[in-house]
């Protein structure tokens, strides 16, 4: 499946198209892209809806990686 990944906040970088066959491959690709230290703290939206699991991701989806927000 082909997915477009967008990175927000301090992870900001160019959008990236990923091509993976399984959810496990997707998880590993995301770890490589954002680093294992971020993977446990980010929220992920699929097609602008926050999700708790990547299991329902399908071909053509847009993933947005949202790091934790902090401020005063």
N, C-alpha and C. Protein backbone atom coordinates (compact mmCIF):
# COMPACT_ATOMS: atom_id res chain seq x y z
N UNK A 1 0.83 -1.17 0.00
CA UNK A 1 0.00 0.00 0.00
C UNK A 1 0.88 1.24 0.00
N UNK A 2 0.42 2.26 -0.69
CA UNK A 2 1.13 3.54 -0.72
C UNK A 2 0.43 4.50 0.21
N UNK A 3 1.24 5.18 1.03
CA UNK A 3 0.73 6.12 2.02
C UNK A 3 1.52 7.41 1.93
N UNK A 4 0.88 8.53 2.20
CA UNK A 4 1.56 9.80 2.31
C UNK A 4 1.67 10.12 3.79
N UNK A 5 2.88 10.45 4.24
CA UNK A 5 3.10 10.77 5.65
C UNK A 5 3.49 12.23 5.76
N UNK A 6 2.79 12.96 6.64
CA UNK A 6 3.08 14.37 6.90
C UNK A 6 3.61 14.48 8.33
N UNK A 7 4.60 15.33 8.52
CA UNK A 7 5.26 15.49 9.80
C UNK A 7 5.00 16.90 10.32
N UNK A 8 4.52 17.02 11.55
CA UNK A 8 4.18 18.32 12.12
C UNK A 8 5.11 18.68 13.28
N UNK A 9 5.05 19.95 13.68
CA UNK A 9 5.79 20.44 14.85
C UNK A 9 7.28 20.25 14.70
N UNK A 10 7.96 19.86 15.80
CA UNK A 10 9.42 19.72 15.75
C UNK A 10 9.89 18.60 14.82
N UNK A 11 8.98 17.76 14.37
CA UNK A 11 9.34 16.71 13.41
C UNK A 11 9.21 17.21 11.98
N UNK A 12 8.88 18.47 11.82
CA UNK A 12 8.58 19.05 10.51
C UNK A 12 9.68 18.75 9.49
N UNK A 13 9.24 18.21 8.38
CA UNK A 13 10.12 17.91 7.24
C UNK A 13 9.23 17.70 6.03
N UNK A 14 9.83 17.42 4.92
CA UNK A 14 9.06 17.20 3.68
C UNK A 14 8.13 16.00 3.86
N UNK A 15 6.96 16.09 3.25
CA UNK A 15 6.06 14.94 3.23
C UNK A 15 6.77 13.78 2.55
N UNK A 16 6.43 12.58 2.96
CA UNK A 16 7.12 11.40 2.43
C UNK A 16 6.09 10.37 2.01
N UNK A 17 6.29 9.81 0.84
CA UNK A 17 5.44 8.71 0.40
C UNK A 17 6.12 7.41 0.80
N UNK A 18 5.37 6.57 1.49
CA UNK A 18 5.87 5.26 1.89
C UNK A 18 5.10 4.18 1.14
N UNK A 19 5.81 3.14 0.78
CA UNK A 19 5.16 1.98 0.19
C UNK A 19 5.50 0.78 1.04
N UNK A 20 4.48 0.20 1.66
CA UNK A 20 4.66 -0.93 2.57
C UNK A 20 3.61 -1.99 2.27
N UNK A 21 3.90 -3.21 2.68
CA UNK A 21 2.96 -4.31 2.46
C UNK A 21 2.13 -4.64 3.70
N UNK A 22 2.68 -4.35 4.88
CA UNK A 22 1.99 -4.72 6.11
C UNK A 22 2.04 -3.57 7.12
N UNK A 23 1.19 -3.67 8.14
CA UNK A 23 1.20 -2.69 9.22
C UNK A 23 2.53 -2.75 9.97
N UNK A 24 3.10 -3.93 10.13
CA UNK A 24 4.39 -4.07 10.79
C UNK A 24 5.47 -3.31 10.02
N UNK A 25 5.48 -3.43 8.70
CA UNK A 25 6.44 -2.67 7.87
C UNK A 25 6.22 -1.18 8.04
N UNK A 26 4.97 -0.76 8.13
CA UNK A 26 4.66 0.66 8.33
C UNK A 26 5.21 1.14 9.66
N UNK A 27 5.01 0.38 10.72
CA UNK A 27 5.52 0.75 12.04
C UNK A 27 7.04 0.88 12.02
N UNK A 28 7.71 -0.05 11.38
CA UNK A 28 9.18 -0.01 11.29
C UNK A 28 9.64 1.21 10.46
N UNK A 29 8.94 1.50 9.38
CA UNK A 29 9.29 2.66 8.55
C UNK A 29 9.10 3.95 9.34
N UNK A 30 8.05 4.04 10.12
CA UNK A 30 7.82 5.24 10.93
C UNK A 30 8.90 5.40 12.00
N UNK A 31 9.30 4.29 12.60
CA UNK A 31 10.40 4.35 13.59
C UNK A 31 11.67 4.89 12.95
N UNK A 32 11.96 4.44 11.74
CA UNK A 32 13.16 4.92 11.04
C UNK A 32 13.03 6.41 10.71
N UNK A 33 11.85 6.83 10.33
CA UNK A 33 11.64 8.23 9.92
C UNK A 33 11.69 9.20 11.08
N UNK A 34 11.07 8.86 12.20
CA UNK A 34 10.98 9.83 13.30
C UNK A 34 11.83 9.47 14.50
N UNK A 35 12.38 8.28 14.53
CA UNK A 35 13.22 7.86 15.64
C UNK A 35 12.42 7.15 16.72
N UNK A 36 13.04 6.18 17.32
CA UNK A 36 12.34 5.36 18.32
C UNK A 36 11.96 6.16 19.56
N UNK A 37 12.69 7.27 19.85
CA UNK A 37 12.35 8.06 21.03
C UNK A 37 11.03 8.81 20.86
N UNK A 38 10.66 9.13 19.61
CA UNK A 38 9.42 9.85 19.34
C UNK A 38 8.23 8.92 19.16
N UNK A 39 8.46 7.72 18.70
CA UNK A 39 7.36 6.84 18.27
C UNK A 39 6.36 6.56 19.41
N UNK A 40 6.82 6.57 20.65
CA UNK A 40 5.93 6.26 21.77
C UNK A 40 5.11 7.47 22.21
N UNK A 41 5.48 8.68 21.77
CA UNK A 41 4.81 9.88 22.27
C UNK A 41 3.96 10.60 21.22
N UNK A 42 4.10 10.24 19.96
CA UNK A 42 3.36 10.95 18.93
C UNK A 42 1.92 10.45 18.83
N UNK A 43 1.06 11.34 18.35
CA UNK A 43 -0.29 10.94 17.96
C UNK A 43 -0.26 10.79 16.44
N UNK A 44 -1.11 9.93 15.93
CA UNK A 44 -1.17 9.71 14.48
C UNK A 44 -2.61 9.91 14.02
N UNK A 45 -2.74 10.72 13.00
CA UNK A 45 -4.05 10.91 12.38
C UNK A 45 -4.02 10.26 11.01
N UNK A 46 -5.10 9.61 10.66
CA UNK A 46 -5.25 9.03 9.32
C UNK A 46 -6.42 9.74 8.67
N UNK A 47 -6.12 10.40 7.56
CA UNK A 47 -7.13 11.19 6.85
C UNK A 47 -7.82 12.17 7.81
N UNK A 48 -7.00 12.85 8.62
CA UNK A 48 -7.43 13.89 9.56
C UNK A 48 -8.25 13.39 10.75
N UNK A 49 -8.21 12.10 11.04
CA UNK A 49 -8.90 11.56 12.22
C UNK A 49 -7.87 10.85 13.09
N UNK A 50 -7.81 11.24 14.37
CA UNK A 50 -6.87 10.60 15.28
C UNK A 50 -7.21 9.13 15.44
N UNK A 51 -6.17 8.31 15.49
CA UNK A 51 -6.36 6.87 15.64
C UNK A 51 -5.53 6.37 16.82
N UNK A 52 -5.89 5.21 17.34
CA UNK A 52 -5.09 4.62 18.42
C UNK A 52 -4.30 3.41 17.91
N UNK A 53 -4.72 2.85 16.77
CA UNK A 53 -4.01 1.71 16.17
C UNK A 53 -3.87 1.94 14.67
N UNK A 54 -2.80 1.43 14.11
CA UNK A 54 -2.58 1.56 12.67
C UNK A 54 -3.25 0.45 11.87
N UNK A 55 -3.97 -0.42 12.52
CA UNK A 55 -4.52 -1.61 11.86
C UNK A 55 -5.45 -1.31 10.69
N UNK A 56 -6.15 -0.19 10.72
CA UNK A 56 -7.14 0.11 9.68
C UNK A 56 -6.58 0.93 8.52
N UNK A 57 -5.27 1.14 8.49
CA UNK A 57 -4.67 1.93 7.42
C UNK A 57 -4.80 1.18 6.10
N UNK A 58 -5.14 1.94 5.04
CA UNK A 58 -5.29 1.30 3.73
C UNK A 58 -4.61 2.14 2.65
N UNK A 59 -4.47 1.55 1.49
CA UNK A 59 -3.81 2.19 0.36
C UNK A 59 -4.40 3.57 0.10
N UNK A 60 -3.53 4.56 -0.08
CA UNK A 60 -3.95 5.91 -0.41
C UNK A 60 -4.21 6.80 0.79
N UNK A 61 -4.12 6.27 2.01
CA UNK A 61 -4.37 7.08 3.20
C UNK A 61 -3.26 8.11 3.40
N UNK A 62 -3.62 9.19 4.11
CA UNK A 62 -2.66 10.22 4.49
C UNK A 62 -2.49 10.14 6.01
N UNK A 63 -1.27 9.89 6.43
CA UNK A 63 -0.94 9.84 7.86
C UNK A 63 -0.30 11.15 8.26
N UNK A 64 -0.74 11.72 9.37
CA UNK A 64 -0.13 12.93 9.90
C UNK A 64 0.45 12.58 11.27
N UNK A 65 1.75 12.85 11.43
CA UNK A 65 2.44 12.56 12.69
C UNK A 65 2.45 13.82 13.52
N UNK A 66 1.85 13.74 14.71
CA UNK A 66 1.67 14.89 15.59
C UNK A 66 2.42 14.68 16.90
N UNK A 67 3.56 15.37 17.09
CA UNK A 67 4.27 15.21 18.35
C UNK A 67 3.50 15.88 19.49
N UNK A 68 3.85 15.55 20.74
CA UNK A 68 3.14 16.15 21.87
C UNK A 68 3.27 17.68 21.83
N UNK A 69 2.23 18.33 22.32
CA UNK A 69 2.23 19.79 22.36
C UNK A 69 2.62 20.22 23.77
N UNK A 70 3.47 21.23 23.84
CA UNK A 70 3.81 21.78 25.15
C UNK A 70 3.86 23.30 25.02
N UNK A 71 3.75 23.94 26.09
CA UNK A 71 3.78 25.40 26.06
C UNK A 71 3.30 25.97 27.38
N UNK A 72 3.14 27.26 27.37
CA UNK A 72 2.75 27.89 28.63
C UNK A 72 1.51 28.70 28.52
